[in-house]
Amino acid sequence: MITHWILVADASGAKVYASDALLEDLKLIDDITFSRHQVRHDDSRGHSTAHLPSSGAASAEAEHDPHKLSEERLARAVAETINNADIEHRFERLIVVAPPRFLGDFRASLSHAAAKRVVASIHHDWTKLERRQLAVQVRRNLPDMAGLP
């Protein structure tokens, strides 16, 4: 069975959903929230973790813009979550839904192996949509090449 993961993110957090190949029923896998002081994960396996985001190599723009720096830290934390899940073979295909700026920061931190699993990127902020609405919108906006039956 093909497992699709759908990552829906914005500057304040991200949710990761799992679905079958038809993308009809979404199950929440991880809820990643961000504050200035920590990134928090609440996953479907009952684990909850919080850690201070690493500063890493911040861009010159981010050094003068705390909001941009926070967005970059969140994107790195989300990418780390996806990279680890890829290593554990928890998904086969990844669909990413996020605003363009988040997507750029996220892609910069995504491993080469995990990046190969991305079948579509949708440039929208759909973090507030209910699961059913999200599933419908994702299916409507996927390119033909995303590999859905």
Protein backbone atom coordinates (compact mmCIF):
# COMPACT_ATOMS: atom_id res chain seq x y z
CA MET A 1 0.00 0.00 0.00
CA ILE A 2 1.30 3.41 -0.96
CA THR A 3 1.44 5.81 1.95
CA HIS A 4 1.11 9.46 1.13
CA TRP A 5 2.05 12.06 3.66
CA ILE A 6 0.66 15.56 3.34
CA LEU A 7 2.60 18.32 5.04
CA VAL A 8 0.53 21.48 5.60
CA ALA A 9 2.53 24.37 7.05
CA ASP A 10 2.76 28.09 7.59
CA ALA A 11 5.02 30.38 9.62
CA SER A 12 3.54 29.29 12.95
CA GLY A 13 3.33 25.53 12.62
CA ALA A 14 2.84 22.43 10.55
CA LYS A 15 0.67 19.34 10.50
CA VAL A 16 1.57 16.06 8.87
CA TYR A 17 -1.22 13.79 7.70
CA ALA A 18 -1.06 10.23 6.36
CA SER A 19 -3.42 8.97 3.71
CA ASP A 20 -3.89 6.13 1.28
CA ALA A 21 -3.22 6.61 -2.42
CA LEU A 22 -6.61 8.24 -3.06
CA LEU A 23 -6.04 11.00 -0.46
CA GLU A 24 -9.58 10.70 0.82
CA ASP A 25 -9.12 10.02 4.53
CA LEU A 26 -6.42 12.00 6.33
CA LYS A 27 -5.00 10.84 9.65
CA LEU A 28 -3.00 13.32 11.74
CA ILE A 29 0.54 12.00 12.25
CA ASP A 30 2.33 15.01 13.76
CA ASP A 31 1.39 18.50 14.91
CA ILE A 32 4.39 20.81 15.05
CA THR A 33 3.89 24.18 16.70
CA PHE A 34 6.43 26.92 17.10
CA SER A 35 7.01 29.67 19.58
CA ARG A 36 10.00 31.96 19.87
CA HIS A 37 11.40 29.67 22.50
CA GLN A 38 10.71 26.14 21.31
CA VAL A 39 9.43 23.77 18.67
CA ARG A 40 6.85 21.28 19.95
CA HIS A 41 5.89 17.97 18.32
CA ASP A 42 2.76 16.02 19.24
CA ASP A 43 2.68 12.88 17.13
CA SER A 44 0.13 10.13 16.65
CA ARG A 45 2.32 7.64 18.49
CA GLY A 46 1.66 9.49 21.74
CA HIS A 47 5.04 11.22 21.86
CA SER A 48 5.33 14.86 22.75
CA THR A 49 8.66 16.62 22.54
CA ALA A 50 9.84 20.19 22.84
CA HIS A 51 13.25 21.56 22.08
CA LEU A 52 14.96 24.84 21.50
CA PRO A 53 15.34 25.52 17.80
CA SER A 54 18.93 25.65 16.65
CA SER A 55 20.11 28.93 15.29
CA GLY A 56 22.11 27.33 12.47
CA ALA A 57 23.47 29.52 9.74
CA ALA A 58 20.95 32.35 9.55
CA SER A 59 20.73 34.51 6.46
CA ALA A 60 21.71 38.18 6.68
CA GLU A 61 18.04 39.12 6.26
CA ALA A 62 16.96 36.83 9.09
CA GLU A 63 19.60 38.19 11.45
CA HIS A 64 17.78 41.52 11.38
CA ASP A 65 14.25 40.11 11.21
CA PRO A 66 13.26 37.94 14.19
CA HIS A 67 10.07 36.81 12.43
CA LYS A 68 12.03 35.56 9.40
CA LEU A 69 14.51 33.81 11.69
CA SER A 70 11.61 32.08 13.48
CA GLU A 71 10.17 30.93 10.15
CA GLU A 72 13.52 29.52 9.09
CA ARG A 73 13.90 27.65 12.38
CA LEU A 74 10.44 26.14 12.05
CA ALA A 75 11.10 25.11 8.45
CA ARG A 76 14.36 23.41 9.54
CA ALA A 77 12.56 21.60 12.37
CA VAL A 78 9.82 20.40 10.02
CA ALA A 79 12.40 19.27 7.46
CA GLU A 80 14.25 17.38 10.20
CA THR A 81 11.00 15.59 11.10
CA ILE A 82 10.43 14.63 7.46
CA ASN A 83 14.07 13.59 6.99
CA ASN A 84 13.87 11.28 10.02
CA ALA A 85 10.55 9.81 8.88
CA ASP A 86 12.09 9.12 5.46
CA ILE A 87 15.00 7.29 7.08
CA GLU A 88 12.46 5.20 9.02
CA HIS A 89 10.52 4.48 5.77
CA ARG A 90 7.29 5.86 7.27
CA PHE A 91 5.99 7.26 3.96
CA GLU A 92 6.47 6.71 0.24
CA ARG A 93 5.24 9.99 -1.24
CA LEU A 94 5.10 13.50 0.19
CA ILE A 95 2.83 16.37 -0.79
CA VAL A 96 3.83 19.75 0.63
CA VAL A 97 1.28 22.56 1.05
CA ALA A 98 2.72 25.85 2.28
CA PRO A 99 3.30 29.49 1.35
CA PRO A 100 6.25 30.03 -1.03
CA ARG A 101 8.63 31.49 1.57
CA PHE A 102 8.15 28.54 3.91
CA LEU A 103 8.60 26.13 1.00
CA GLY A 104 11.94 27.68 0.12
CA ASP A 105 13.26 27.42 3.68
CA PHE A 106 11.87 23.88 4.03
CA ARG A 107 13.44 22.65 0.77
CA ALA A 108 16.81 24.09 1.79
CA SER A 109 16.85 21.76 4.82
CA LEU A 110 15.27 18.69 3.26
CA SER A 111 17.62 15.77 2.65
CA HIS A 112 18.26 14.66 -0.91
CA ALA A 113 16.56 11.31 -0.22
CA ALA A 114 13.44 12.89 1.29
CA ALA A 115 13.28 15.46 -1.53
CA LYS A 116 12.98 12.57 -4.01
CA ARG A 117 9.72 11.57 -2.31
CA VAL A 118 8.07 14.96 -2.87
CA VAL A 119 5.50 14.42 -5.63
CA ALA A 120 3.88 17.86 -5.43
CA SER A 121 4.25 21.28 -3.84
CA ILE A 122 1.14 23.43 -3.53
CA HIS A 123 1.72 27.12 -2.79
CA HIS A 124 -1.15 27.86 -0.39
CA ASP A 125 -1.75 28.36 3.31
CA TRP A 126 -4.38 25.72 4.13
CA THR A 127 -3.43 25.20 7.77
CA LYS A 128 -6.87 26.29 8.99
CA LEU A 129 -8.87 23.90 6.76
CA GLU A 130 -10.67 20.93 8.28
CA ARG A 131 -9.33 17.52 7.24
CA ARG A 132 -12.14 16.79 4.80
CA GLN A 133 -11.79 20.19 3.12
CA LEU A 134 -8.03 19.81 3.02
CA ALA A 135 -8.31 16.43 1.28
CA VAL A 136 -10.64 17.88 -1.35
CA GLN A 137 -8.41 20.91 -1.99
CA VAL A 138 -5.26 18.82 -2.25
CA ARG A 139 -6.85 16.44 -4.76
CA ARG A 140 -8.14 19.39 -6.83
CA ASN A 141 -4.74 21.08 -6.92
CA LEU A 142 -2.44 18.14 -7.58
CA PRO A 143 -0.71 18.04 -10.92
CA ASP A 144 -1.29 14.93 -13.03
CA MET A 145 2.28 13.84 -12.42
CA ALA A 146 1.69 13.35 -8.67
CA GLY A 147 0.99 9.65 -9.26
CA LEU A 148 -2.53 9.33 -7.93
CA PRO A 149 -4.67 6.50 -9.28
